[in-house]
Amino acid sequence: MKITALFLIFTLVSAQEKKIDFDPDKLKDPEPRWPRIISPLSVDTQMVEEKSNPDSVQVIVEGFRVQVLATRTRENADRLRADLFAEYGDDIYIVFEAPNYKVRIGNFIDRRQAESLRQSMVKKGYPSAWIIRTRIEPKIK
């Protein structure tokens, strides 16, 4: 018993004497790879596109979309998206904001273009269509 106690004391003392040599100033973390966010209105857009890989450039700006429908079921939203896909292509988005699925169309920087689409949607039988300000993904040419 005394030998075990001495062994434990010796182990604790020797473990405390070990000094770990660590200098936080010499620590070098790798630089994170953040996506580039650029504005399509900036002058340097062309220069950024030439230098970078297309997968690493993400363009997000404030703009407008036309919300056509808000429904509680995903099936209704998918059905409307399929109906509108032939005419409007890939610019149709389904956004879930609890408890509703919202069907939105377009990526407009100019509100007048969004208003033109809203008026045509009202004529086509969607009287509750309205313009919403949101982040959009404009197409880079």
N, C-alpha and C. Protein backbone atom coordinates (compact mmCIF):
# COMPACT_ATOMS: atom_id res chain seq x y z
N MET A 1 0.83 -1.19 0.00
CA MET A 1 0.00 0.00 0.00
C MET A 1 0.87 1.25 0.00
N LYS A 2 1.92 1.24 0.82
CA LYS A 2 2.81 2.40 0.87
C LYS A 2 3.56 2.55 -0.44
N ILE A 3 3.88 1.43 -1.06
CA ILE A 3 4.60 1.50 -2.33
C ILE A 3 3.68 2.09 -3.41
N THR A 4 2.43 1.72 -3.40
CA THR A 4 1.47 2.24 -4.37
C THR A 4 1.28 3.74 -4.17
N ALA A 5 1.19 4.18 -2.93
CA ALA A 5 1.03 5.60 -2.63
C ALA A 5 2.26 6.37 -3.09
N LEU A 6 3.45 5.84 -2.83
CA LEU A 6 4.68 6.50 -3.26
C LEU A 6 4.75 6.56 -4.78
N PHE A 7 4.34 5.48 -5.42
CA PHE A 7 4.35 5.45 -6.88
C PHE A 7 3.40 6.51 -7.46
N LEU A 8 2.20 6.64 -6.86
CA LEU A 8 1.25 7.66 -7.31
C LEU A 8 1.79 9.07 -7.11
N ILE A 9 2.39 9.31 -5.98
CA ILE A 9 2.95 10.64 -5.70
C ILE A 9 4.08 10.94 -6.68
N PHE A 10 4.94 9.95 -6.91
CA PHE A 10 6.04 10.13 -7.85
C PHE A 10 5.52 10.41 -9.27
N THR A 11 4.48 9.70 -9.67
CA THR A 11 3.89 9.89 -11.00
C THR A 11 3.27 11.28 -11.14
N LEU A 12 2.57 11.72 -10.10
CA LEU A 12 1.97 13.06 -10.14
C LEU A 12 3.03 14.15 -10.19
N VAL A 13 4.06 14.00 -9.43
CA VAL A 13 5.13 15.01 -9.39
C VAL A 13 5.86 15.05 -10.73
N SER A 14 6.17 13.89 -11.27
CA SER A 14 6.91 13.86 -12.54
C SER A 14 6.03 14.36 -13.69
N ALA A 15 4.73 14.12 -13.62
CA ALA A 15 3.84 14.60 -14.67
C ALA A 15 3.71 16.12 -14.63
N GLN A 16 3.78 16.70 -13.46
CA GLN A 16 3.68 18.14 -13.34
C GLN A 16 4.96 18.83 -13.77
N GLU A 17 6.06 18.16 -13.74
CA GLU A 17 7.33 18.77 -14.10
C GLU A 17 7.51 18.87 -15.61
N LYS A 18 6.74 18.09 -16.37
CA LYS A 18 6.86 18.17 -17.82
C LYS A 18 6.33 19.52 -18.28
N LYS A 19 7.16 20.19 -19.02
CA LYS A 19 6.78 21.51 -19.50
C LYS A 19 6.55 21.42 -21.01
N ILE A 20 5.38 21.81 -21.41
CA ILE A 20 5.07 21.80 -22.83
C ILE A 20 5.54 23.12 -23.41
N ASP A 21 6.35 23.03 -24.45
CA ASP A 21 6.89 24.23 -25.08
C ASP A 21 5.94 24.66 -26.20
N PHE A 22 5.12 25.67 -25.93
CA PHE A 22 4.14 26.14 -26.91
C PHE A 22 4.17 27.66 -26.94
N ASP A 23 4.36 28.20 -28.12
CA ASP A 23 4.37 29.64 -28.30
C ASP A 23 3.22 30.02 -29.24
N PRO A 24 2.16 30.67 -28.72
CA PRO A 24 1.01 30.99 -29.57
C PRO A 24 1.36 31.98 -30.69
N ASP A 25 2.43 32.74 -30.53
CA ASP A 25 2.82 33.68 -31.58
C ASP A 25 3.35 32.96 -32.82
N LYS A 26 3.85 31.75 -32.65
CA LYS A 26 4.39 30.99 -33.76
C LYS A 26 3.35 30.09 -34.43
N LEU A 27 2.15 30.08 -33.89
CA LEU A 27 1.07 29.25 -34.44
C LEU A 27 0.64 29.82 -35.78
N LYS A 28 0.59 28.99 -36.79
CA LYS A 28 0.19 29.44 -38.13
C LYS A 28 -1.00 28.61 -38.58
N ASP A 29 -2.17 29.20 -38.54
CA ASP A 29 -3.38 28.56 -39.04
C ASP A 29 -3.45 28.77 -40.55
N PRO A 30 -3.98 27.80 -41.26
CA PRO A 30 -4.15 28.03 -42.70
C PRO A 30 -5.20 29.10 -42.95
N GLU A 31 -4.99 29.87 -43.99
CA GLU A 31 -5.92 30.94 -44.35
C GLU A 31 -7.22 30.32 -44.86
N PRO A 32 -8.39 30.73 -44.34
CA PRO A 32 -9.65 30.17 -44.83
C PRO A 32 -9.89 30.57 -46.28
N ARG A 33 -10.55 29.71 -47.02
CA ARG A 33 -10.87 30.00 -48.42
C ARG A 33 -12.29 30.54 -48.49
N TRP A 34 -12.43 31.85 -48.39
CA TRP A 34 -13.73 32.50 -48.42
C TRP A 34 -14.14 32.72 -49.87
N PRO A 35 -15.45 32.64 -50.17
CA PRO A 35 -15.89 32.96 -51.53
C PRO A 35 -15.79 34.46 -51.76
N ARG A 36 -15.48 34.83 -53.00
CA ARG A 36 -15.42 36.24 -53.34
C ARG A 36 -16.82 36.73 -53.63
N ILE A 37 -17.20 37.82 -53.03
CA ILE A 37 -18.50 38.43 -53.30
C ILE A 37 -18.22 39.75 -53.99
N ILE A 38 -18.69 39.86 -55.21
CA ILE A 38 -18.44 41.07 -55.98
C ILE A 38 -19.76 41.65 -56.45
N SER A 39 -19.73 42.89 -56.79
CA SER A 39 -20.92 43.55 -57.31
C SER A 39 -20.84 43.60 -58.83
N PRO A 40 -21.91 43.28 -59.54
CA PRO A 40 -21.86 43.35 -61.00
C PRO A 40 -21.75 44.78 -61.49
N LEU A 41 -21.96 45.73 -60.61
CA LEU A 41 -21.88 47.13 -60.99
C LEU A 41 -20.49 47.71 -60.81
N SER A 42 -19.57 46.95 -60.20
CA SER A 42 -18.24 47.47 -59.95
C SER A 42 -17.42 47.46 -61.24
N VAL A 43 -16.40 48.30 -61.27
CA VAL A 43 -15.54 48.43 -62.43
C VAL A 43 -14.62 47.21 -62.56
N ASP A 44 -14.24 46.61 -61.44
CA ASP A 44 -13.26 45.53 -61.42
C ASP A 44 -13.86 44.15 -61.68
N THR A 45 -15.12 44.05 -62.06
CA THR A 45 -15.77 42.76 -62.25
C THR A 45 -15.07 41.93 -63.31
N GLN A 46 -14.70 42.54 -64.43
CA GLN A 46 -14.06 41.79 -65.50
C GLN A 46 -12.71 41.27 -65.05
N MET A 47 -11.96 42.07 -64.32
CA MET A 47 -10.64 41.66 -63.84
C MET A 47 -10.76 40.48 -62.88
N VAL A 48 -11.76 40.48 -62.01
CA VAL A 48 -11.95 39.39 -61.05
C VAL A 48 -12.32 38.11 -61.79
N GLU A 49 -13.16 38.21 -62.82
CA GLU A 49 -13.58 37.02 -63.57
C GLU A 49 -12.40 36.37 -64.27
N GLU A 50 -11.48 37.18 -64.83
CA GLU A 50 -10.35 36.62 -65.54
C GLU A 50 -9.39 35.90 -64.60
N LYS A 51 -9.19 36.43 -63.42
CA LYS A 51 -8.21 35.88 -62.49
C LYS A 51 -8.72 34.66 -61.73
N SER A 52 -10.02 34.55 -61.55
CA SER A 52 -10.52 33.53 -60.65
C SER A 52 -11.26 32.43 -61.38
N ASN A 53 -11.38 31.35 -60.69
CA ASN A 53 -12.12 30.19 -61.14
C ASN A 53 -13.62 30.51 -61.04
N PRO A 54 -14.45 30.17 -62.03
CA PRO A 54 -15.87 30.52 -61.96
C PRO A 54 -16.59 29.96 -60.73
N ASP A 55 -16.10 28.85 -60.19
CA ASP A 55 -16.75 28.28 -59.01
C ASP A 55 -16.46 29.07 -57.75
N SER A 56 -15.44 29.91 -57.77
CA SER A 56 -15.06 30.62 -56.56
C SER A 56 -15.64 32.03 -56.48
N VAL A 57 -16.37 32.46 -57.50
CA VAL A 57 -16.95 33.79 -57.51
C VAL A 57 -18.44 33.69 -57.22
N GLN A 58 -18.88 34.42 -56.23
CA GLN A 58 -20.28 34.42 -55.89
C GLN A 58 -20.77 35.86 -55.91
N VAL A 59 -21.74 36.14 -56.76
CA VAL A 59 -22.26 37.49 -56.89
C VAL A 59 -23.63 37.54 -56.22
N ILE A 60 -23.73 38.36 -55.20
CA ILE A 60 -25.01 38.55 -54.51
C ILE A 60 -25.21 40.04 -54.32
N VAL A 61 -26.34 40.54 -54.80
CA VAL A 61 -26.67 41.95 -54.64
C VAL A 61 -28.12 42.08 -54.20
N GLU A 62 -28.47 43.23 -53.71
CA GLU A 62 -29.87 43.50 -53.37
C GLU A 62 -30.62 43.80 -54.65
N GLY A 63 -31.79 43.22 -54.77
CA GLY A 63 -32.59 43.44 -55.96
C GLY A 63 -34.04 43.11 -55.69
N PHE A 64 -34.75 42.72 -56.74
CA PHE A 64 -36.19 42.49 -56.63
C PHE A 64 -36.58 41.18 -57.29
N ARG A 65 -37.62 40.56 -56.74
CA ARG A 65 -38.28 39.40 -57.33
C ARG A 65 -39.77 39.62 -57.19
N VAL A 66 -40.53 38.92 -58.02
CA VAL A 66 -41.99 38.98 -57.95
C VAL A 66 -42.47 37.71 -57.27
N GLN A 67 -43.16 37.88 -56.15
CA GLN A 67 -43.73 36.73 -55.45
C GLN A 67 -45.11 36.47 -56.02
N VAL A 68 -45.31 35.24 -56.51
CA VAL A 68 -46.56 34.88 -57.16
C VAL A 68 -47.50 34.16 -56.21
N LEU A 69 -46.94 33.33 -55.33
CA LEU A 69 -47.78 32.49 -54.48
C LEU A 69 -47.09 32.23 -53.15
N ALA A 70 -47.89 32.14 -52.10
CA ALA A 70 -47.44 31.67 -50.79
C ALA A 70 -48.42 30.59 -50.37
N THR A 71 -47.90 29.38 -50.15
CA THR A 71 -48.75 28.25 -49.81
C THR A 71 -48.10 27.42 -48.71
N ARG A 72 -48.92 26.66 -48.02
CA ARG A 72 -48.39 25.82 -46.93
C ARG A 72 -47.91 24.46 -47.41
N THR A 73 -48.19 24.10 -48.65
CA THR A 73 -47.80 22.78 -49.14
C THR A 73 -46.74 22.90 -50.23
N ARG A 74 -45.74 22.07 -50.14
CA ARG A 74 -44.66 22.06 -51.13
C ARG A 74 -45.18 21.62 -52.50
N GLU A 75 -46.16 20.73 -52.52
CA GLU A 75 -46.71 20.23 -53.78
C GLU A 75 -47.29 21.35 -54.62
N ASN A 76 -48.05 22.26 -53.98
CA ASN A 76 -48.63 23.40 -54.72
C ASN A 76 -47.53 24.30 -55.29
N ALA A 77 -46.50 24.53 -54.50
CA ALA A 77 -45.39 25.37 -54.96
C ALA A 77 -44.67 24.71 -56.13
N ASP A 78 -44.42 23.40 -56.03
CA ASP A 78 -43.75 22.68 -57.12
C ASP A 78 -44.60 22.68 -58.39
N ARG A 79 -45.91 22.53 -58.23
CA ARG A 79 -46.81 22.51 -59.38
C ARG A 79 -46.77 23.86 -60.11
N LEU A 80 -46.82 24.96 -59.35
CA LEU A 80 -46.78 26.28 -59.97
C LEU A 80 -45.42 26.52 -60.63
N ARG A 81 -44.36 26.09 -59.99
CA ARG A 81 -43.03 26.23 -60.57
C ARG A 81 -42.95 25.50 -61.90
N ALA A 82 -43.48 24.30 -61.97
CA ALA A 82 -43.48 23.53 -63.22
C ALA A 82 -44.29 24.24 -64.30
N ASP A 83 -45.42 24.84 -63.93
CA ASP A 83 -46.24 25.57 -64.89
C ASP A 83 -45.52 26.80 -65.44
N LEU A 84 -44.79 27.49 -64.58
CA LEU A 84 -44.12 28.73 -64.98
C LEU A 84 -42.76 28.47 -65.63
N PHE A 85 -42.21 27.26 -65.47
CA PHE A 85 -40.86 26.96 -65.95
C PHE A 85 -40.73 27.15 -67.47
N ALA A 86 -41.73 26.73 -68.24
CA ALA A 86 -41.65 26.82 -69.69
C ALA A 86 -41.48 28.26 -70.16
N GLU A 87 -42.12 29.19 -69.47
CA GLU A 87 -42.07 30.59 -69.91
C GLU A 87 -40.90 31.37 -69.30
N TYR A 88 -40.55 31.08 -68.03
CA TYR A 88 -39.57 31.90 -67.33
C TYR A 88 -38.23 31.21 -67.08
N GLY A 89 -38.13 29.93 -67.35
CA GLY A 89 -36.85 29.23 -67.23
C GLY A 89 -36.39 29.04 -65.79
N ASP A 90 -35.09 29.21 -65.59
CA ASP A 90 -34.47 28.91 -64.29
C ASP A 90 -34.64 30.00 -63.23
N ASP A 91 -35.23 31.11 -63.58
CA ASP A 91 -35.36 32.22 -62.63
C ASP A 91 -36.57 32.08 -61.71
N ILE A 92 -36.97 30.87 -61.41
CA ILE A 92 -38.10 30.62 -60.51
C ILE A 92 -37.56 29.98 -59.24
N TYR A 93 -37.90 30.55 -58.11
CA TYR A 93 -37.36 30.10 -56.82
C TYR A 93 -38.49 29.73 -55.87
N ILE A 94 -38.27 28.68 -55.11
CA ILE A 94 -39.18 28.33 -54.03
C ILE A 94 -38.43 28.56 -52.73
N VAL A 95 -38.96 29.46 -51.92
CA VAL A 95 -38.33 29.83 -50.66
C VAL A 95 -39.23 29.38 -49.52
N PHE A 96 -38.66 28.68 -48.55
CA PHE A 96 -39.46 28.26 -47.40
C PHE A 96 -39.21 29.21 -46.25
N GLU A 97 -40.25 29.89 -45.84
CA GLU A 97 -40.24 30.72 -44.63
C GLU A 97 -41.43 30.24 -43.82
N ALA A 98 -41.14 29.56 -42.73
CA ALA A 98 -42.16 28.86 -41.95
C ALA A 98 -43.38 29.74 -41.72
N PRO A 99 -44.56 29.25 -41.96
CA PRO A 99 -44.97 27.92 -42.41
C PRO A 99 -45.23 27.85 -43.91
N ASN A 100 -44.78 28.85 -44.69
CA ASN A 100 -45.17 28.94 -46.10
C ASN A 100 -44.03 28.66 -47.06
N TYR A 101 -44.40 28.08 -48.21
CA TYR A 101 -43.52 27.97 -49.36
C TYR A 101 -43.89 29.11 -50.30
N LYS A 102 -42.89 29.91 -50.68
CA LYS A 102 -43.16 31.08 -51.50
C LYS A 102 -42.51 30.91 -52.86
N VAL A 103 -43.31 31.12 -53.91
CA VAL A 103 -42.81 31.00 -55.28
C VAL A 103 -42.50 32.40 -55.77
N ARG A 104 -41.23 32.60 -56.16
CA ARG A 104 -40.77 33.91 -56.60
C ARG A 104 -40.10 33.79 -57.96
N ILE A 105 -40.23 34.83 -58.75
CA ILE A 105 -39.69 34.83 -60.11
C ILE A 105 -38.76 36.02 -60.29
N GLY A 106 -37.65 35.79 -60.98
CA GLY A 106 -36.79 36.86 -61.46
C GLY A 106 -35.59 37.19 -60.59
N ASN A 107 -34.68 37.90 -61.23
CA ASN A 107 -33.50 38.50 -60.60
C ASN A 107 -33.36 39.90 -61.19
N PHE A 108 -34.06 40.86 -60.63
CA PHE A 108 -34.08 42.20 -61.19
C PHE A 108 -33.31 43.18 -60.31
N ILE A 109 -32.43 43.94 -60.94
CA ILE A 109 -31.75 45.01 -60.22
C ILE A 109 -32.63 46.26 -60.24
N ASP A 110 -33.36 46.44 -61.33
CA ASP A 110 -34.23 47.60 -61.51
C ASP A 110 -35.67 47.25 -61.12
N ARG A 111 -36.27 48.05 -60.27
CA ARG A 111 -37.63 47.79 -59.80
C ARG A 111 -38.65 47.90 -60.93
N ARG A 112 -38.38 48.75 -61.92
CA ARG A 112 -39.32 48.92 -63.03
C ARG A 112 -39.49 47.62 -63.82
N GLN A 113 -38.41 46.86 -63.99
CA GLN A 113 -38.52 45.56 -64.68
C GLN A 113 -39.37 44.60 -63.86
N ALA A 114 -39.18 44.61 -62.55
CA ALA A 114 -39.98 43.75 -61.68
C ALA A 114 -41.44 44.16 -61.72
N GLU A 115 -41.71 45.45 -61.79
CA GLU A 115 -43.10 45.92 -61.87
C GLU A 115 -43.75 45.48 -63.17
N SER A 116 -43.00 45.49 -64.25
CA SER A 116 -43.52 45.02 -65.53
C SER A 116 -43.91 43.54 -65.45
N LEU A 117 -43.07 42.72 -64.83
CA LEU A 117 -43.39 41.30 -64.67
C LEU A 117 -44.59 41.13 -63.76
N ARG A 118 -44.67 41.91 -62.69
CA ARG A 118 -45.81 41.80 -61.77
C ARG A 118 -47.11 42.08 -62.49
N GLN A 119 -47.13 43.12 -63.32
CA GLN A 119 -48.34 43.47 -64.06
C GLN A 119 -48.74 42.36 -65.03
N SER A 120 -47.75 41.74 -65.68
CA SER A 120 -48.08 40.64 -66.60
C SER A 120 -48.59 39.42 -65.82
N MET A 121 -48.08 39.19 -64.61
CA MET A 121 -48.56 38.07 -63.79
C MET A 121 -50.00 38.32 -63.34
N VAL A 122 -50.34 39.56 -63.03
CA VAL A 122 -51.72 39.90 -62.64
C VAL A 122 -52.65 39.64 -63.83
N LYS A 123 -52.22 39.99 -65.04
CA LYS A 123 -53.03 39.76 -66.23
C LYS A 123 -53.21 38.26 -66.51
N LYS A 124 -52.23 37.46 -66.12
CA LYS A 124 -52.30 36.02 -66.36
C LYS A 124 -53.09 35.27 -65.30
N GLY A 125 -53.62 36.00 -64.31
CA GLY A 125 -54.49 35.35 -63.33
C GLY A 125 -53.87 35.16 -61.96
N TYR A 126 -52.84 35.91 -61.64
CA TYR A 126 -52.23 35.86 -60.31
C TYR A 126 -52.36 37.24 -59.66
N PRO A 127 -53.57 37.58 -59.18
CA PRO A 127 -53.81 38.94 -58.68
C PRO A 127 -53.04 39.28 -57.41
N SER A 128 -52.57 38.27 -56.71
CA SER A 128 -51.84 38.56 -55.47
C SER A 128 -50.33 38.69 -55.69
N ALA A 129 -49.87 38.72 -56.94
CA ALA A 129 -48.44 38.89 -57.22
C ALA A 129 -47.98 40.25 -56.71
N TRP A 130 -46.83 40.25 -56.07
CA TRP A 130 -46.29 41.50 -55.56
C TRP A 130 -44.77 41.47 -55.59
N ILE A 131 -44.15 42.63 -55.53
CA ILE A 131 -42.70 42.75 -55.63
C ILE A 131 -42.10 42.66 -54.23
N ILE A 132 -41.02 41.90 -54.13
CA ILE A 132 -40.32 41.77 -52.86
C ILE A 132 -38.86 42.12 -53.07
N ARG A 133 -38.33 42.88 -52.14
CA ARG A 133 -36.91 43.23 -52.18
C ARG A 133 -36.15 42.11 -51.46
N THR A 134 -35.14 41.58 -52.14
CA THR A 134 -34.39 40.46 -51.60
C THR A 134 -33.00 40.41 -52.23
N ARG A 135 -32.20 39.48 -51.76
CA ARG A 135 -30.90 39.27 -52.42
C ARG A 135 -31.12 38.46 -53.67
N ILE A 136 -30.44 38.87 -54.73
CA ILE A 136 -30.60 38.18 -56.01
C ILE A 136 -29.24 37.72 -56.52
N GLU A 137 -29.27 36.89 -57.55
CA GLU A 137 -28.06 36.39 -58.19
C GLU A 137 -28.08 36.80 -59.65
N PRO A 138 -27.63 38.01 -59.97
CA PRO A 138 -27.69 38.44 -61.37
C PRO A 138 -26.73 37.62 -62.23
N LYS A 139 -27.07 37.47 -63.49
CA LYS A 139 -26.22 36.70 -64.40
C LYS A 139 -25.03 37.55 -64.82
N ILE A 140 -23.82 36.95 -64.69
CA ILE A 140 -22.60 37.64 -65.11
C ILE A 140 -22.39 37.35 -66.58
N LYS A 141 -22.20 38.38 -67.36
CA LYS A 141 -22.04 38.20 -68.80
C LYS A 141 -20.59 38.05 -69.16
